[in-house]
Amino acid sequence: MTLNDRQELMMNPEKSIPEETVGTTTLRYLARVGELEATDTEDLTLNYGLVVDCGSSGSRIFVYFWPRHNGNPHDLLDIKQMRDRNSQPVVKKIKPGISAMADTPEHASDYLRPLLSFAAAHVPVKKHKETPLYILCTAGMRLLPERKQLAILADLVRDIPLEFDFLFSQSQAEVISGKQEGVYAWIGINFVLGRFDHEDESDAEAPQELAAGRRRTVGILDMGGASLQIAYEVPTSTSVLPPKQEEEAKILLAEFNLGCDVQHTEHVYRVYVTTFLGFGGNFARQRYEDLVLNETLTKNRLLGQKTGLSPDNPLLDPCLPVGLTDVVERNSQVLHIRGRGDWASCGAMLSPLLARSNTSQASLNGIYQSPIDFNNSEFYGFSEFFYCTEDVLRIGGHYHGPTFAKAAQVNYL
């Protein structure tokens, strides 16, 4: 998955959230984000930072800036995304993902050169030496053998400083865990929405948005190409659990302090976060195709059939729109498929791939899930969740299950 697909909200806030789904306070904050002017690169008091998100299907670089901290220990740094002379976000994407360098790790730095050159052209030259660069690789790299991961990272650490003068060391290029990925996504959306801000006495809405002295945070659902993350804040005290579930819960909880120092605990958060490798959009589709291929070939052998072995006799796939054709290839095996657009049958075929258990406190793959108060919770979906609802079905914004199902079924026909 890509860490920064979720930056769609910061880059185009008016596109992602309809007014009826958020309060006036949040709308004011998003309006302020959306009206950012070009970054004043002549202001030498500004600091800059670079983040390269190396996802499974591509890599993006984002350039951020922030003024000096105001000295108030209750406030976080005022970090914003850099904007060019045309007031457009400074971001660039390349394809494929860096994991494509698995067999040629010596070219990893060459692969990232277009992104780093792009950033170098926007950050003032005088600031390069003090501008930290972070290269964070996600699920695509996690799927590689460790030796191949290390070879790619070693090339980056060795070669990038030879060409670029950014503040960069070995610890700043890493393959992050799914847990880290979920935490970063959770921090990102809540920062953009202003949920880490302290109460403003002039804000009449503040009392309704505050819980235990601070604003209620939102949860995230983030589906990338290879993995799926979920993260949301949980109470400091939870109900008593059986020993096994208690151990699982501890592993899936992250507690961290976003404040200026450890003495100030106003920004200590406790978040449930987990990742599901193989449940990203691209890999989930591959798992489904593997299932269909294996079942069809097995049935062909047992019954002496030739379903899907030629374009003239395709397998009718309920999960593709009516008439759409595709070819599944695995090694020397080929399966020709044609869509028949059957929503109910598709759901039935996909259900086993979710590996759900009968336990009420378990989610995908039987992983423990901390209880959610659905009557007092707000979640944002990113990446594939947004692409499917907005780019495909044109119903992005507030999610409504029946509306999504109806739109999807119409799209199948």
Protein backbone atom coordinates (compact mmCIF):
# COMPACT_ATOMS: atom_id res chain seq x y z
CA MET A 1 0.00 0.00 0.00
CA THR A 2 0.99 3.57 -0.36
CA LEU A 3 1.31 5.71 2.70
CA ASN A 4 0.52 8.90 0.88
CA ASP A 5 -2.59 8.04 -1.09
CA ARG A 6 -4.26 9.26 2.06
CA GLN A 7 -2.74 12.68 1.31
CA GLU A 8 -5.57 12.99 -1.25
CA LEU A 9 -7.47 14.60 1.59
CA MET A 10 -4.83 17.25 2.16
CA MET A 11 -4.32 17.87 -1.56
CA ASN A 12 -8.00 17.97 -2.54
CA PRO A 13 -10.08 18.25 0.64
CA GLU A 14 -13.18 19.44 -1.17
CA LYS A 15 -13.15 16.32 -3.37
CA SER A 16 -12.92 13.79 -0.60
CA ILE A 17 -15.46 14.87 2.01
CA PRO A 18 -18.97 16.17 1.35
CA GLU A 19 -20.11 18.93 3.69
CA GLU A 20 -22.87 16.90 5.26
CA THR A 21 -20.39 14.39 6.71
CA VAL A 22 -18.27 16.75 8.79
CA GLY A 23 -18.81 19.51 11.32
CA THR A 24 -18.30 23.21 10.76
CA THR A 25 -15.05 23.14 12.72
CA THR A 26 -13.57 20.51 10.42
CA LEU A 27 -14.81 22.33 7.32
CA ARG A 28 -13.09 25.51 8.46
CA TYR A 29 -9.88 23.58 8.99
CA LEU A 30 -10.09 21.90 5.58
CA ALA A 31 -10.86 25.23 3.93
CA ARG A 32 -7.69 26.62 5.47
CA VAL A 33 -5.74 23.66 4.09
CA GLY A 34 -7.28 24.00 0.64
CA GLU A 35 -6.53 27.72 0.38
CA LEU A 36 -2.80 27.40 1.00
CA GLU A 37 -0.77 29.67 -1.20
CA ALA A 38 2.56 28.94 -2.82
CA THR A 39 5.24 28.20 -0.23
CA ASP A 40 7.52 31.19 0.37
CA THR A 41 10.91 29.65 -0.39
CA GLU A 42 12.56 33.00 0.39
CA ASP A 43 11.61 32.61 4.04
CA LEU A 44 14.79 31.22 5.59
CA THR A 45 13.02 30.42 8.87
CA LEU A 46 11.08 27.59 7.24
CA ASN A 47 12.18 23.99 7.68
CA TYR A 48 11.66 21.28 5.07
CA GLY A 49 11.30 17.51 5.11
CA LEU A 50 11.01 14.81 2.44
CA VAL A 51 9.12 11.53 2.61
CA VAL A 52 9.36 8.90 -0.11
CA ASP A 53 6.56 6.38 0.15
CA CYS A 54 7.63 3.21 -1.64
CA GLY A 55 4.40 1.30 -2.14
CA SER A 56 3.71 -1.98 -3.86
CA SER A 57 2.58 -0.42 -7.15
CA GLY A 58 4.62 2.79 -7.21
CA SER A 59 6.59 5.36 -5.22
CA ARG A 60 5.74 8.95 -4.35
CA ILE A 61 7.77 11.77 -2.87
CA PHE A 62 6.12 14.45 -0.75
CA VAL A 63 7.75 17.69 0.33
CA TYR A 64 6.68 19.24 3.63
CA PHE A 65 7.57 22.47 5.40
CA TRP A 66 6.99 24.03 8.78
CA PRO A 67 7.91 27.21 10.66
CA ARG A 68 9.72 27.15 13.97
CA HIS A 69 7.70 25.79 16.85
CA ASN A 70 5.76 28.51 18.66
CA GLY A 71 7.05 27.40 22.05
CA ASN A 72 3.66 26.34 23.39
CA PRO A 73 4.11 22.77 24.69
CA HIS A 74 0.41 22.11 24.03
CA ASP A 75 0.81 22.67 20.27
CA LEU A 76 2.28 20.36 17.65
CA LEU A 77 4.48 21.54 14.81
CA ASP A 78 2.47 23.30 12.10
CA ILE A 79 3.50 20.97 9.27
CA LYS A 80 2.07 21.61 5.80
CA GLN A 81 2.59 20.16 2.37
CA MET A 82 4.75 22.35 0.16
CA ARG A 83 3.04 24.08 -2.76
CA ASP A 84 4.72 25.27 -5.94
CA ARG A 85 4.41 28.65 -7.67
CA ASN A 86 1.02 27.60 -9.02
CA SER A 87 -0.13 26.66 -5.50
CA GLN A 88 -0.16 22.97 -6.44
CA PRO A 89 1.05 20.32 -3.95
CA VAL A 90 4.67 19.34 -4.54
CA VAL A 91 4.34 15.61 -5.13
CA LYS A 92 5.57 13.21 -7.80
CA LYS A 93 4.85 9.54 -8.46
CA ILE A 94 6.69 6.88 -10.44
CA LYS A 95 5.83 3.28 -11.32
CA PRO A 96 6.34 0.38 -10.73
CA GLY A 97 7.04 -0.19 -7.03
CA ILE A 98 10.60 -0.34 -5.74
CA SER A 99 10.18 -4.08 -5.15
CA ALA A 100 10.65 -4.39 -8.93
CA MET A 101 14.35 -3.81 -8.15
CA ALA A 102 14.50 -7.11 -6.25
CA ASP A 103 16.82 -8.75 -8.79
CA THR A 104 18.78 -5.58 -9.62
CA PRO A 105 19.24 -3.85 -6.26
CA GLU A 106 22.24 -1.91 -7.59
CA HIS A 107 19.76 0.20 -9.57
CA ALA A 108 17.53 1.11 -6.61
CA SER A 109 19.01 4.60 -6.27
CA ASP A 110 18.68 5.10 -10.05
CA TYR A 111 15.02 4.17 -9.69
CA LEU A 112 14.45 6.91 -7.07
CA ARG A 113 16.55 9.56 -8.84
CA PRO A 114 13.58 11.21 -10.64
CA LEU A 115 11.79 11.71 -7.32
CA LEU A 116 14.81 13.07 -5.48
CA SER A 117 15.73 15.39 -8.35
CA PHE A 118 12.17 16.68 -8.35
CA ALA A 119 12.35 17.46 -4.63
CA ALA A 120 15.80 19.00 -4.93
CA ALA A 121 14.47 21.44 -7.51
CA HIS A 122 11.76 22.67 -5.11
CA VAL A 123 13.56 22.85 -1.77
CA PRO A 124 15.85 25.91 -1.54
CA VAL A 125 19.46 24.81 -2.12
CA LYS A 126 20.57 26.50 1.10
CA LYS A 127 18.21 24.20 2.99
CA HIS A 128 19.29 20.88 1.45
CA LYS A 129 21.85 20.00 4.13
CA GLU A 130 19.29 20.40 6.92
CA THR A 131 16.35 18.79 5.11
CA PRO A 132 15.74 15.25 6.39
CA LEU A 133 14.90 12.56 3.86
CA TYR A 134 12.90 9.49 4.88
CA ILE A 135 12.40 6.52 2.56
CA LEU A 136 9.64 4.28 3.87
CA CYS A 137 8.91 1.02 2.07
CA THR A 138 5.65 -0.80 2.67
CA ALA A 139 3.93 -4.08 1.80
CA GLY A 140 5.50 -4.61 -1.62
CA MET A 141 8.94 -4.75 0.00
CA ARG A 142 7.70 -6.73 2.99
CA LEU A 143 6.77 -9.52 0.60
CA LEU A 144 10.38 -9.85 -0.59
CA PRO A 145 12.94 -12.10 1.13
CA GLU A 146 14.87 -10.17 3.76
CA ARG A 147 18.18 -10.43 1.88
CA LYS A 148 16.61 -8.71 -1.13
CA GLN A 149 15.12 -6.00 1.06
CA LEU A 150 18.51 -5.33 2.64
CA ALA A 151 20.27 -5.22 -0.73
CA ILE A 152 17.88 -2.54 -2.02
CA LEU A 153 18.19 -0.46 1.15
CA ALA A 154 21.99 -0.78 1.13
CA ASP A 155 22.16 0.65 -2.38
CA LEU A 156 20.00 3.61 -1.36
CA VAL A 157 22.05 4.37 1.74
CA ARG A 158 25.32 4.09 -0.18
CA ASP A 159 24.49 5.97 -3.38
CA ILE A 160 21.95 8.68 -2.55
CA PRO A 161 24.39 10.80 -0.44
CA LEU A 162 26.82 10.76 -3.38
CA GLU A 163 24.35 12.69 -5.53
CA PHE A 164 22.05 14.52 -3.13
CA ASP A 165 22.91 16.69 -0.15
CA PHE A 166 19.87 15.96 2.00
CA LEU A 167 20.10 14.95 5.66
CA PHE A 168 20.00 11.18 5.20
CA SER A 169 21.37 8.22 7.13
CA GLN A 170 20.92 4.46 7.27
CA SER A 171 18.14 4.68 9.86
CA GLN A 172 16.06 6.85 7.51
CA ALA A 173 15.58 4.17 4.85
CA GLU A 174 13.58 1.21 6.06
CA VAL A 175 10.91 -1.34 5.37
CA ILE A 176 8.24 -0.35 7.85
CA SER A 177 5.93 -2.83 9.50
CA GLY A 178 2.22 -2.95 8.84
CA LYS A 179 1.71 -1.63 12.35
CA GLN A 180 3.87 1.43 11.63
CA GLU A 181 2.02 1.95 8.37
CA GLY A 182 -1.33 1.97 10.14
CA VAL A 183 -0.10 4.35 12.85
CA TYR A 184 1.25 6.80 10.25
CA ALA A 185 -2.06 6.73 8.38
CA TRP A 186 -3.96 7.35 11.61
CA ILE A 187 -1.71 10.25 12.60
CA GLY A 188 -1.92 11.75 9.12
CA ILE A 189 -5.71 11.97 8.85
CA ASN A 190 -6.21 13.19 12.41
CA PHE A 191 -3.54 15.85 11.96
CA VAL A 192 -5.16 17.09 8.74
CA LEU A 193 -8.61 17.15 10.36
CA GLY A 194 -7.30 19.11 13.35
CA ARG A 195 -8.23 16.37 15.82
CA PHE A 196 -4.98 16.91 17.72
CA ASP A 197 -5.77 20.60 18.25
CA HIS A 198 -6.64 21.76 21.75
CA GLU A 199 -9.91 23.42 22.63
CA ASP A 200 -10.41 26.92 21.29
CA GLU A 201 -12.60 28.83 23.73
CA SER A 202 -14.02 30.88 20.86
CA ASP A 203 -15.15 27.71 19.10
CA ALA A 204 -18.75 27.06 20.08
CA GLU A 205 -18.57 23.54 18.72
CA ALA A 206 -15.54 22.49 20.72
CA PRO A 207 -17.39 21.01 23.75
CA GLN A 208 -19.28 18.62 21.48
CA GLU A 209 -16.11 17.47 19.75
CA LEU A 210 -14.10 16.98 22.91
CA ALA A 211 -13.88 13.76 24.87
CA ALA A 212 -11.91 13.54 28.10
CA GLY A 213 -10.52 17.04 27.51
CA ARG A 214 -9.60 16.68 23.84
CA ARG A 215 -11.15 16.14 20.44
CA ARG A 216 -12.46 12.76 19.39
CA THR A 217 -10.15 11.19 16.82
CA VAL A 218 -11.20 9.27 13.71
CA GLY A 219 -10.26 5.77 12.63
CA ILE A 220 -8.76 4.72 9.30
CA LEU A 221 -9.25 1.92 6.80
CA ASP A 222 -6.47 1.90 4.22
CA MET A 223 -6.31 -0.60 1.37
CA GLY A 224 -3.17 -0.44 -0.74
CA GLY A 225 -2.04 -2.80 -3.46
CA ALA A 226 -0.68 -5.52 -1.18
CA SER A 227 -2.05 -4.92 2.31
CA LEU A 228 -4.95 -3.53 4.30
CA GLN A 229 -4.64 -1.52 7.53
CA ILE A 230 -7.13 -0.54 10.20
CA ALA A 231 -6.38 1.80 13.10
CA TYR A 232 -8.50 3.61 15.68
CA GLU A 233 -8.11 5.04 19.17
CA VAL A 234 -9.18 2.85 22.08
CA PRO A 235 -9.87 3.74 25.73
CA THR A 236 -6.98 3.53 28.16
CA SER A 237 -8.90 0.86 30.04
CA THR A 238 -10.54 -2.04 28.24
CA SER A 239 -12.79 -4.83 29.39
CA VAL A 240 -11.29 -7.94 30.96
CA LEU A 241 -10.27 -10.45 28.30
CA PRO A 242 -9.30 -14.12 28.36
CA PRO A 243 -5.49 -14.53 28.68
CA LYS A 244 -4.98 -15.43 25.01
CA GLN A 245 -6.98 -12.45 23.73
CA GLU A 246 -5.28 -10.17 26.23
CA GLU A 247 -1.87 -11.08 24.80
CA GLU A 248 -3.13 -10.55 21.25
CA ALA A 249 -4.57 -7.18 22.23
CA LYS A 250 -1.24 -5.99 23.68
CA ILE A 251 0.57 -6.80 20.43
CA LEU A 252 -1.98 -4.86 18.39
CA LEU A 253 -1.99 -1.73 20.55
CA ALA A 254 0.37 1.18 19.98
CA GLU A 255 0.84 3.94 22.54
CA PHE A 256 2.83 7.03 21.63
CA ASN A 257 3.32 10.67 22.57
CA LEU A 258 3.05 13.27 19.80
CA GLY A 259 3.91 16.10 22.19
CA CYS A 260 7.10 18.09 22.49
CA ASP A 261 8.54 16.00 25.32
CA VAL A 262 7.65 13.14 27.63
CA GLN A 263 6.53 15.49 30.41
CA HIS A 264 3.59 16.75 28.38
CA THR A 265 1.05 13.97 28.04
CA GLU A 266 -1.83 15.85 26.39
CA HIS A 267 -0.89 14.17 23.14
CA VAL A 268 -0.47 10.58 24.34
CA TYR A 269 -2.65 8.27 22.28
CA ARG A 270 -3.48 4.59 22.50
CA VAL A 271 -4.37 3.11 19.13
CA TYR A 272 -5.47 -0.33 17.99
CA VAL A 273 -3.72 -1.04 14.71
CA THR A 274 -3.29 -4.11 12.59
CA THR A 275 -2.39 -5.00 9.03
CA PHE A 276 -3.52 -7.77 6.73
CA LEU A 277 -0.82 -8.67 4.23
CA GLY A 278 -2.33 -10.11 1.06
CA PHE A 279 -5.62 -8.22 1.51
CA GLY A 280 -4.64 -5.20 -0.59
CA GLY A 281 -6.55 -4.60 -3.81
CA ASN A 282 -4.04 -6.14 -6.23
CA PHE A 283 -3.10 -9.10 -4.06
CA ALA A 284 -6.70 -9.82 -3.10
CA ARG A 285 -7.54 -10.01 -6.80
CA GLN A 286 -4.60 -12.36 -7.33
CA ARG A 287 -5.77 -14.60 -4.51
CA TYR A 288 -9.23 -14.72 -6.06
CA GLU A 289 -7.78 -15.54 -9.48
CA ASP A 290 -5.67 -18.33 -7.95
CA LEU A 291 -8.81 -19.76 -6.35
CA VAL A 292 -10.78 -19.64 -9.61
CA LEU A 293 -7.89 -21.10 -11.62
CA ASN A 294 -7.28 -24.00 -9.25
CA GLU A 295 -10.97 -24.85 -8.84
CA THR A 296 -11.63 -24.72 -12.59
CA LEU A 297 -8.62 -26.83 -13.57
CA THR A 298 -9.45 -29.38 -10.88
CA LYS A 299 -13.04 -29.59 -12.07
CA ASN A 300 -11.87 -29.94 -15.67
CA ARG A 301 -9.67 -32.91 -14.76
CA LEU A 302 -12.39 -34.66 -12.76
CA LEU A 303 -15.17 -34.12 -15.30
CA GLY A 304 -13.16 -34.17 -18.51
CA GLN A 305 -14.14 -30.60 -19.36
CA LYS A 306 -12.20 -27.79 -21.04
CA THR A 307 -13.82 -24.76 -19.42
CA GLY A 308 -11.63 -21.67 -19.68
CA LEU A 309 -8.93 -23.31 -21.78
CA SER A 310 -9.74 -21.24 -24.87
CA PRO A 311 -11.35 -17.86 -25.67
CA ASP A 312 -14.26 -19.72 -27.27
CA ASN A 313 -15.07 -21.58 -24.06
CA PRO A 314 -14.36 -19.09 -21.24
CA LEU A 315 -15.14 -19.51 -17.59
CA LEU A 316 -18.05 -17.26 -16.66
CA ASP A 317 -16.76 -15.15 -13.76
CA PRO A 318 -19.42 -13.63 -11.46
CA CYS A 319 -16.97 -10.99 -10.22
CA LEU A 320 -16.38 -9.32 -13.59
CA PRO A 321 -18.90 -7.02 -15.31
CA VAL A 322 -21.04 -8.66 -17.98
CA GLY A 323 -19.07 -9.35 -21.16
CA LEU A 324 -15.68 -8.18 -19.86
CA THR A 325 -12.93 -10.65 -20.77
CA ASP A 326 -9.65 -11.37 -19.05
CA VAL A 327 -6.88 -13.97 -19.04
CA VAL A 328 -5.38 -15.44 -15.87
CA GLU A 329 -1.85 -16.77 -16.28
CA ARG A 330 0.10 -18.69 -13.66
CA ASN A 331 3.34 -20.25 -14.86
CA SER A 332 2.33 -22.35 -17.88
CA GLN A 333 -1.36 -22.42 -16.96
CA VAL A 334 -3.82 -20.13 -18.73
CA LEU A 335 -7.48 -19.52 -17.95
CA HIS A 336 -9.80 -17.46 -20.17
CA ILE A 337 -12.64 -15.78 -18.30
CA ARG A 338 -15.65 -13.66 -19.22
CA GLY A 339 -17.71 -11.62 -16.80
CA ARG A 340 -21.31 -12.51 -15.99
CA GLY A 341 -21.88 -9.79 -13.39
CA ASP A 342 -23.53 -11.73 -10.58
CA TRP A 343 -23.17 -9.68 -7.38
CA ALA A 344 -24.54 -12.33 -5.00
CA SER A 345 -22.49 -15.17 -6.46
CA CYS A 346 -19.36 -13.02 -6.42
CA GLY A 347 -19.87 -12.27 -2.73
CA ALA A 348 -20.28 -15.97 -1.98
CA MET A 349 -17.03 -16.79 -3.78
CA LEU A 350 -15.08 -14.03 -2.05
CA SER A 351 -16.33 -14.75 1.46
CA PRO A 352 -13.95 -17.69 2.18
CA LEU A 353 -10.98 -15.50 1.22
CA LEU A 354 -11.76 -13.19 4.14
CA ALA A 355 -10.99 -16.03 6.56
CA ARG A 356 -13.51 -14.70 9.07
CA SER A 357 -14.05 -16.54 12.34
CA ASN A 358 -17.21 -16.94 14.39
CA THR A 359 -15.72 -14.95 17.27
CA SER A 360 -17.38 -11.57 17.80
CA GLN A 361 -14.05 -9.91 18.63
CA ALA A 362 -12.17 -11.14 15.57
CA SER A 363 -11.82 -9.60 12.14
CA LEU A 364 -10.09 -10.91 9.00
CA ASN A 365 -7.92 -14.01 9.40
CA GLY A 366 -9.31 -14.45 12.91
CA ILE A 367 -7.18 -11.55 14.23
CA TYR A 368 -8.35 -10.02 17.51
CA GLN A 369 -10.16 -6.70 17.09
CA SER A 370 -10.65 -4.24 19.91
CA PRO A 371 -14.35 -3.36 20.44
CA ILE A 372 -15.69 -0.43 18.40
CA ASP A 373 -18.49 1.86 19.53
CA PHE A 374 -20.16 2.25 16.14
CA ASN A 375 -22.61 4.79 17.53
CA ASN A 376 -19.79 7.16 18.43
CA SER A 377 -17.09 6.40 15.85
CA GLU A 378 -16.01 7.94 12.59
CA PHE A 379 -13.84 6.18 10.00
CA TYR A 380 -12.17 7.35 6.81
CA GLY A 381 -11.36 4.98 3.95
CA PHE A 382 -8.30 5.56 1.77
CA SER A 383 -6.61 4.34 -1.38
CA GLU A 384 -8.56 1.46 -2.95
CA PHE A 385 -11.62 2.27 -0.84
CA PHE A 386 -11.69 5.75 -2.36
CA TYR A 387 -10.72 4.66 -5.87
CA CYS A 388 -13.52 2.09 -6.01
CA THR A 389 -16.21 4.38 -4.66
CA GLU A 390 -15.19 7.58 -6.47
CA ASP A 391 -13.19 6.69 -9.59
CA VAL A 392 -15.26 3.63 -10.51
CA LEU A 393 -18.73 4.20 -9.05
CA ARG A 394 -18.66 8.02 -8.71
CA ILE A 395 -20.13 7.93 -5.21
CA GLY A 396 -17.12 9.00 -3.15
CA GLY A 397 -17.78 10.76 0.14
CA HIS A 398 -20.06 9.52 2.89
CA TYR A 399 -20.25 5.72 2.72
CA HIS A 400 -23.65 4.03 2.75
CA GLY A 401 -23.64 0.24 2.33
CA PRO A 402 -26.91 -0.20 0.41
CA THR A 403 -26.03 2.68 -1.94
CA PHE A 404 -22.62 1.15 -2.65
CA ALA A 405 -24.13 -2.29 -3.29
CA LYS A 406 -26.76 -0.86 -5.64
CA ALA A 407 -24.20 1.18 -7.58
CA ALA A 408 -21.88 -1.81 -7.87
CA GLN A 409 -24.67 -4.03 -9.19
CA VAL A 410 -25.68 -1.43 -11.77
CA ASN A 411 -22.03 -1.17 -12.81
CA TYR A 412 -21.93 -4.94 -13.37
CA LEU A 413 -24.63 -4.86 -16.04
